[in-house]
Amino acid sequence: MSNQSRVAKVLVALLASMTIGAVVLLVLGNNRPQGDLTTFSLSDHISIGSAMRPKVSSPSNRWNTVEVFYSGTTEGDIAQLAAGQGKRDPGDIDCHIVICNGRGQGNGTVLPTRRWQNQASAASTGNGTIRVCVVGDARQSPITQRQRTSLQEVVKHICRHYNIESRSIYYPRNL
């Protein structure tokens, strides 16, 4: 009988500790530390993957190059950048992904454009090149740490998903 009593006590203790742990996690929620810290969480990775999921499927050999470039502005989101390019429709912006700097959208926020959603080529590069725009102007201020982290995750995701080799990734010289 004492063995059954011991097993019951262990199971009750296990159940209580799991319940307390679950309550603590629910109370903490998905709150992140404030500031521009170099944190990484699974929720960041999941949001990158979901942001990178296009509406239209394409063959894995559709893309073979990644070009990263600065927007040349100190702020912006897709609509602001499209207007800066003289486009009436934000869907006509000449890139696939925009990584924001906190002025226009959240710092490090990854925004897929309509070109990405539809797997359409950028007008300036033609077929096979994925254009990633990092909001910022290299001459006035460097990219934020959150932008750098998002950029690394986006490029890693693209390369893994489309089998793009690292020698086919082009960054600006000062990034």
C-alpha atoms as a PDB file:
ATOM      1  CA  MET A   1       0.000   0.000   0.000  1.00  0.00           C
ATOM      2  CA  SER A   2       2.813   2.428   0.776  1.00  0.00           C
ATOM      3  CA  ASN A   3       4.095   2.103  -2.816  1.00  0.00           C
ATOM      4  CA  GLN A   4       0.670   3.104  -4.213  1.00  0.00           C
ATOM      5  CA  SER A   5       0.583   6.030  -1.798  1.00  0.00           C
ATOM      6  CA  ARG A   6       4.012   7.175  -2.961  1.00  0.00           C
ATOM      7  CA  VAL A   7       3.009   6.931  -6.653  1.00  0.00           C
ATOM      8  CA  ALA A   8      -0.145   8.931  -5.958  1.00  0.00           C
ATOM      9  CA  LYS A   9       1.867  11.651  -4.162  1.00  0.00           C
ATOM     10  CA  VAL A  10       4.339  11.865  -7.041  1.00  0.00           C
ATOM     11  CA  LEU A  11       1.544  12.114  -9.612  1.00  0.00           C
ATOM     12  CA  VAL A  12      -0.235  14.827  -7.591  1.00  0.00           C
ATOM     13  CA  ALA A  13       3.039  16.768  -7.242  1.00  0.00           C
ATOM     14  CA  LEU A  14       3.713  16.401 -10.974  1.00  0.00           C
ATOM     15  CA  LEU A  15       0.210  17.554 -11.880  1.00  0.00           C
ATOM     16  CA  ALA A  16       0.464  20.535  -9.506  1.00  0.00           C
ATOM     17  CA  SER A  17       3.863  21.623 -10.860  1.00  0.00           C
ATOM     18  CA  MET A  18       2.692  21.325 -14.467  1.00  0.00           C
ATOM     19  CA  THR A  19      -0.427  23.352 -13.683  1.00  0.00           C
ATOM     20  CA  ILE A  20       1.585  26.072 -11.942  1.00  0.00           C
ATOM     21  CA  GLY A  21       4.052  26.181 -14.833  1.00  0.00           C
ATOM     22  CA  ALA A  22       1.230  26.487 -17.381  1.00  0.00           C
ATOM     23  CA  VAL A  23      -0.396  29.300 -15.387  1.00  0.00           C
ATOM     24  CA  VAL A  24       2.928  31.180 -15.197  1.00  0.00           C
ATOM     25  CA  LEU A  25       3.442  30.835 -18.973  1.00  0.00           C
ATOM     26  CA  LEU A  26      -0.095  32.043 -19.654  1.00  0.00           C
ATOM     27  CA  VAL A  27       0.406  35.063 -17.398  1.00  0.00           C
ATOM     28  CA  LEU A  28       3.686  35.932 -19.104  1.00  0.00           C
ATOM     29  CA  GLY A  29       2.088  35.518 -22.522  1.00  0.00           C
ATOM     30  CA  ASN A  30       4.030  36.649 -25.546  1.00  0.00           C
ATOM     31  CA  ASN A  31       5.496  39.748 -23.904  1.00  0.00           C
ATOM     32  CA  ARG A  32       8.935  40.693 -25.125  1.00  0.00           C
ATOM     33  CA  PRO A  33      11.585  42.788 -23.445  1.00  0.00           C
ATOM     34  CA  GLN A  34      11.393  46.479 -24.275  1.00  0.00           C
ATOM     35  CA  GLY A  35      14.133  48.228 -26.239  1.00  0.00           C
ATOM     36  CA  ASP A  36      16.273  47.185 -29.158  1.00  0.00           C
ATOM     37  CA  LEU A  37      17.674  44.038 -27.580  1.00  0.00           C
ATOM     38  CA  THR A  38      19.167  41.221 -29.577  1.00  0.00           C
ATOM     39  CA  THR A  39      16.572  38.722 -28.444  1.00  0.00           C
ATOM     40  CA  PHE A  40      15.390  35.772 -30.411  1.00  0.00           C
ATOM     41  CA  SER A  41      12.333  33.721 -29.696  1.00  0.00           C
ATOM     42  CA  LEU A  42      10.463  30.993 -31.458  1.00  0.00           C
ATOM     43  CA  SER A  43       7.612  33.449 -32.096  1.00  0.00           C
ATOM     44  CA  ASP A  44      10.038  35.632 -34.120  1.00  0.00           C
ATOM     45  CA  HIS A  45      10.956  32.645 -36.281  1.00  0.00           C
ATOM     46  CA  ILE A  46       7.337  31.635 -36.763  1.00  0.00           C
ATOM     47  CA  SER A  47       6.331  35.157 -37.775  1.00  0.00           C
ATOM     48  CA  ILE A  48       9.150  35.274 -40.372  1.00  0.00           C
ATOM     49  CA  GLY A  49       8.006  31.962 -41.836  1.00  0.00           C
ATOM     50  CA  SER A  50       4.365  33.023 -41.951  1.00  0.00           C
ATOM     51  CA  ALA A  51       5.278  36.402 -43.472  1.00  0.00           C
ATOM     52  CA  MET A  52       7.303  34.639 -46.143  1.00  0.00           C
ATOM     53  CA  ARG A  53       4.496  32.289 -47.153  1.00  0.00           C
ATOM     54  CA  PRO A  54       3.282  33.454 -50.594  1.00  0.00           C
ATOM     55  CA  LYS A  55      -0.340  33.156 -51.689  1.00  0.00           C
ATOM     56  CA  VAL A  56       0.728  31.496 -54.925  1.00  0.00           C
ATOM     57  CA  SER A  57       2.960  28.448 -54.975  1.00  0.00           C
ATOM     58  CA  SER A  58       5.971  28.300 -57.229  1.00  0.00           C
ATOM     59  CA  PRO A  59       8.512  25.624 -58.110  1.00  0.00           C
ATOM     60  CA  SER A  60      11.532  25.403 -55.828  1.00  0.00           C
ATOM     61  CA  ASN A  61      13.788  26.468 -58.723  1.00  0.00           C
ATOM     62  CA  ARG A  62      11.747  29.653 -59.405  1.00  0.00           C
ATOM     63  CA  TRP A  63      14.233  31.842 -57.521  1.00  0.00           C
ATOM     64  CA  ASN A  64      18.041  31.656 -57.736  1.00  0.00           C
ATOM     65  CA  THR A  65      19.369  34.996 -56.427  1.00  0.00           C
ATOM     66  CA  VAL A  66      18.748  37.311 -53.468  1.00  0.00           C
ATOM     67  CA  GLU A  67      19.477  41.031 -53.751  1.00  0.00           C
ATOM     68  CA  VAL A  68      19.417  43.101 -50.554  1.00  0.00           C
ATOM     69  CA  PHE A  69      19.337  46.887 -50.870  1.00  0.00           C
ATOM     70  CA  TYR A  70      18.645  50.017 -48.819  1.00  0.00           C
ATOM     71  CA  SER A  71      15.488  52.027 -49.423  1.00  0.00           C
ATOM     72  CA  GLY A  72      17.516  55.253 -49.287  1.00  0.00           C
ATOM     73  CA  THR A  73      14.968  56.715 -46.886  1.00  0.00           C
ATOM     74  CA  THR A  74      15.017  57.162 -43.119  1.00  0.00           C
ATOM     75  CA  GLU A  75      11.500  55.749 -42.691  1.00  0.00           C
ATOM     76  CA  GLY A  76       8.742  53.972 -44.490  1.00  0.00           C
ATOM     77  CA  ASP A  77       6.513  51.011 -45.097  1.00  0.00           C
ATOM     78  CA  ILE A  78       5.320  49.519 -48.382  1.00  0.00           C
ATOM     79  CA  ALA A  79       2.922  52.354 -49.183  1.00  0.00           C
ATOM     80  CA  GLN A  80       5.451  55.097 -48.348  1.00  0.00           C
ATOM     81  CA  LEU A  81       8.228  53.419 -50.316  1.00  0.00           C
ATOM     82  CA  ALA A  82       5.955  52.900 -53.325  1.00  0.00           C
ATOM     83  CA  ALA A  83       4.992  56.576 -53.244  1.00  0.00           C
ATOM     84  CA  GLY A  84       8.704  57.437 -53.070  1.00  0.00           C
ATOM     85  CA  GLN A  85       9.239  55.347 -56.221  1.00  0.00           C
ATOM     86  CA  GLY A  86       6.457  57.292 -57.931  1.00  0.00           C
ATOM     87  CA  LYS A  87       4.015  54.377 -57.806  1.00  0.00           C
ATOM     88  CA  ARG A  88       0.324  55.038 -57.240  1.00  0.00           C
ATOM     89  CA  ASP A  89      -0.371  51.472 -56.198  1.00  0.00           C
ATOM     90  CA  PRO A  90       1.725  50.068 -53.293  1.00  0.00           C
ATOM     91  CA  GLY A  91       1.505  46.689 -55.036  1.00  0.00           C
ATOM     92  CA  ASP A  92       3.737  48.030 -57.780  1.00  0.00           C
ATOM     93  CA  ILE A  93       6.747  48.524 -55.473  1.00  0.00           C
ATOM     94  CA  ASP A  94       9.868  47.038 -57.066  1.00  0.00           C
ATOM     95  CA  CYS A  95      10.804  44.546 -54.364  1.00  0.00           C
ATOM     96  CA  HIS A  96       9.473  41.408 -52.725  1.00  0.00           C
ATOM     97  CA  ILE A  97      10.156  41.931 -49.027  1.00  0.00           C
ATOM     98  CA  VAL A  98      10.466  45.120 -46.929  1.00  0.00           C
ATOM     99  CA  ILE A  99      12.195  45.097 -43.527  1.00  0.00           C
ATOM    100  CA  CYS A 100      11.141  48.128 -41.487  1.00  0.00           C
ATOM    101  CA  ASN A 101      13.176  50.189 -39.013  1.00  0.00           C
ATOM    102  CA  GLY A 102      10.508  51.296 -36.539  1.00  0.00           C
ATOM    103  CA  ARG A 103       9.583  54.485 -38.362  1.00  0.00           C
ATOM    104  CA  GLY A 104       6.583  53.578 -40.480  1.00  0.00           C
ATOM    105  CA  GLN A 105       6.134  50.035 -39.140  1.00  0.00           C
ATOM    106  CA  GLY A 106       7.622  48.098 -36.230  1.00  0.00           C
ATOM    107  CA  ASN A 107      11.387  47.801 -35.928  1.00  0.00           C
ATOM    108  CA  GLY A 108      12.442  44.621 -37.746  1.00  0.00           C
ATOM    109  CA  THR A 109       8.944  43.981 -39.098  1.00  0.00           C
ATOM    110  CA  VAL A 110       8.985  41.877 -42.259  1.00  0.00           C
ATOM    111  CA  LEU A 111       6.425  42.963 -44.860  1.00  0.00           C
ATOM    112  CA  PRO A 112       5.864  40.826 -47.952  1.00  0.00           C
ATOM    113  CA  THR A 113       4.775  42.849 -50.986  1.00  0.00           C
ATOM    114  CA  ARG A 114       2.181  41.904 -53.555  1.00  0.00           C
ATOM    115  CA  ARG A 115       5.017  40.826 -55.877  1.00  0.00           C
ATOM    116  CA  TRP A 116       6.087  38.254 -53.283  1.00  0.00           C
ATOM    117  CA  GLN A 117       2.539  37.111 -52.567  1.00  0.00           C
ATOM    118  CA  ASN A 118       2.007  36.505 -56.294  1.00  0.00           C
ATOM    119  CA  GLN A 119       5.573  35.238 -56.882  1.00  0.00           C
ATOM    120  CA  ALA A 120       6.034  37.888 -59.582  1.00  0.00           C
ATOM    121  CA  SER A 121       9.438  39.094 -60.752  1.00  0.00           C
ATOM    122  CA  ALA A 122      10.720  42.541 -59.829  1.00  0.00           C
ATOM    123  CA  ALA A 123      10.699  44.945 -62.752  1.00  0.00           C
ATOM    124  CA  SER A 124      14.323  46.005 -62.261  1.00  0.00           C
ATOM    125  CA  THR A 125      15.889  42.542 -62.093  1.00  0.00           C
ATOM    126  CA  GLY A 126      13.776  40.179 -64.132  1.00  0.00           C
ATOM    127  CA  ASN A 127      13.266  36.500 -63.406  1.00  0.00           C
ATOM    128  CA  GLY A 128      14.904  34.632 -60.592  1.00  0.00           C
ATOM    129  CA  THR A 129      15.934  37.451 -58.230  1.00  0.00           C
ATOM    130  CA  ILE A 130      14.240  38.065 -54.895  1.00  0.00           C
ATOM    131  CA  ARG A 131      14.655  41.735 -53.895  1.00  0.00           C
ATOM    132  CA  VAL A 132      14.740  42.508 -50.153  1.00  0.00           C
ATOM    133  CA  CYS A 133      14.469  46.191 -49.210  1.00  0.00           C
ATOM    134  CA  VAL A 134      15.883  47.276 -45.844  1.00  0.00           C
ATOM    135  CA  VAL A 135      14.341  50.597 -44.815  1.00  0.00           C
ATOM    136  CA  GLY A 136      17.176  53.007 -44.115  1.00  0.00           C
ATOM    137  CA  ASP A 137      19.868  55.151 -45.588  1.00  0.00           C
ATOM    138  CA  ALA A 138      23.371  53.804 -45.040  1.00  0.00           C
ATOM    139  CA  ARG A 139      24.886  57.284 -45.166  1.00  0.00           C
ATOM    140  CA  GLN A 140      22.703  58.704 -42.394  1.00  0.00           C
ATOM    141  CA  SER A 141      22.242  55.785 -40.021  1.00  0.00           C
ATOM    142  CA  PRO A 142      23.073  52.080 -39.906  1.00  0.00           C
ATOM    143  CA  ILE A 143      20.333  49.477 -39.841  1.00  0.00           C
ATOM    144  CA  THR A 144      18.987  48.516 -36.418  1.00  0.00           C
ATOM    145  CA  GLN A 145      19.880  45.267 -34.713  1.00  0.00           C
ATOM    146  CA  ARG A 146      16.294  44.077 -35.106  1.00  0.00           C
ATOM    147  CA  GLN A 147      16.465  44.769 -38.856  1.00  0.00           C
ATOM    148  CA  ARG A 148      19.739  42.864 -39.066  1.00  0.00           C
ATOM    149  CA  THR A 149      18.236  39.885 -37.208  1.00  0.00           C
ATOM    150  CA  SER A 150      15.102  39.907 -39.391  1.00  0.00           C
ATOM    151  CA  LEU A 151      17.230  40.188 -42.534  1.00  0.00           C
ATOM    152  CA  GLN A 152      19.347  37.212 -41.489  1.00  0.00           C
ATOM    153  CA  GLU A 153      16.230  35.139 -40.788  1.00  0.00           C
ATOM    154  CA  VAL A 154      14.553  36.155 -44.065  1.00  0.00           C
ATOM    155  CA  VAL A 155      17.632  35.344 -46.147  1.00  0.00           C
ATOM    156  CA  LYS A 156      18.140  32.062 -44.306  1.00  0.00           C
ATOM    157  CA  HIS A 157      14.499  31.125 -44.890  1.00  0.00           C
ATOM    158  CA  ILE A 158      14.638  32.050 -48.587  1.00  0.00           C
ATOM    159  CA  CYS A 159      17.893  30.180 -49.179  1.00  0.00           C
ATOM    160  CA  ARG A 160      16.667  27.071 -47.404  1.00  0.00           C
ATOM    161  CA  HIS A 161      13.269  27.037 -49.094  1.00  0.00           C
ATOM    162  CA  TYR A 162      14.494  27.799 -52.630  1.00  0.00           C
ATOM    163  CA  ASN A 163      17.933  26.135 -52.460  1.00  0.00           C
ATOM    164  CA  ILE A 164      19.807  29.371 -53.109  1.00  0.00           C
ATOM    165  CA  GLU A 165      23.543  29.228 -52.453  1.00  0.00           C
ATOM    166  CA  SER A 166      25.283  31.887 -50.354  1.00  0.00           C
ATOM    167  CA  ARG A 167      27.342  33.033 -53.359  1.00  0.00           C
ATOM    168  CA  SER A 168      24.047  34.102 -54.988  1.00  0.00           C
ATOM    169  CA  ILE A 169      23.190  36.588 -52.223  1.00  0.00           C
ATOM    170  CA  TYR A 170      24.119  40.195 -52.903  1.00  0.00           C
ATOM    171  CA  TYR A 171      24.317  42.724 -50.054  1.00  0.00           C
ATOM    172  CA  PRO A 172      25.168  46.418 -50.226  1.00  0.00           C
ATOM    173  CA  ARG A 173      28.834  47.047 -49.370  1.00  0.00           C
ATOM    174  CA  ASN A 174      28.078  48.882 -46.144  1.00  0.00           C
ATOM    175  CA  LEU A 175      25.551  46.456 -44.655  1.00  0.00           C
END
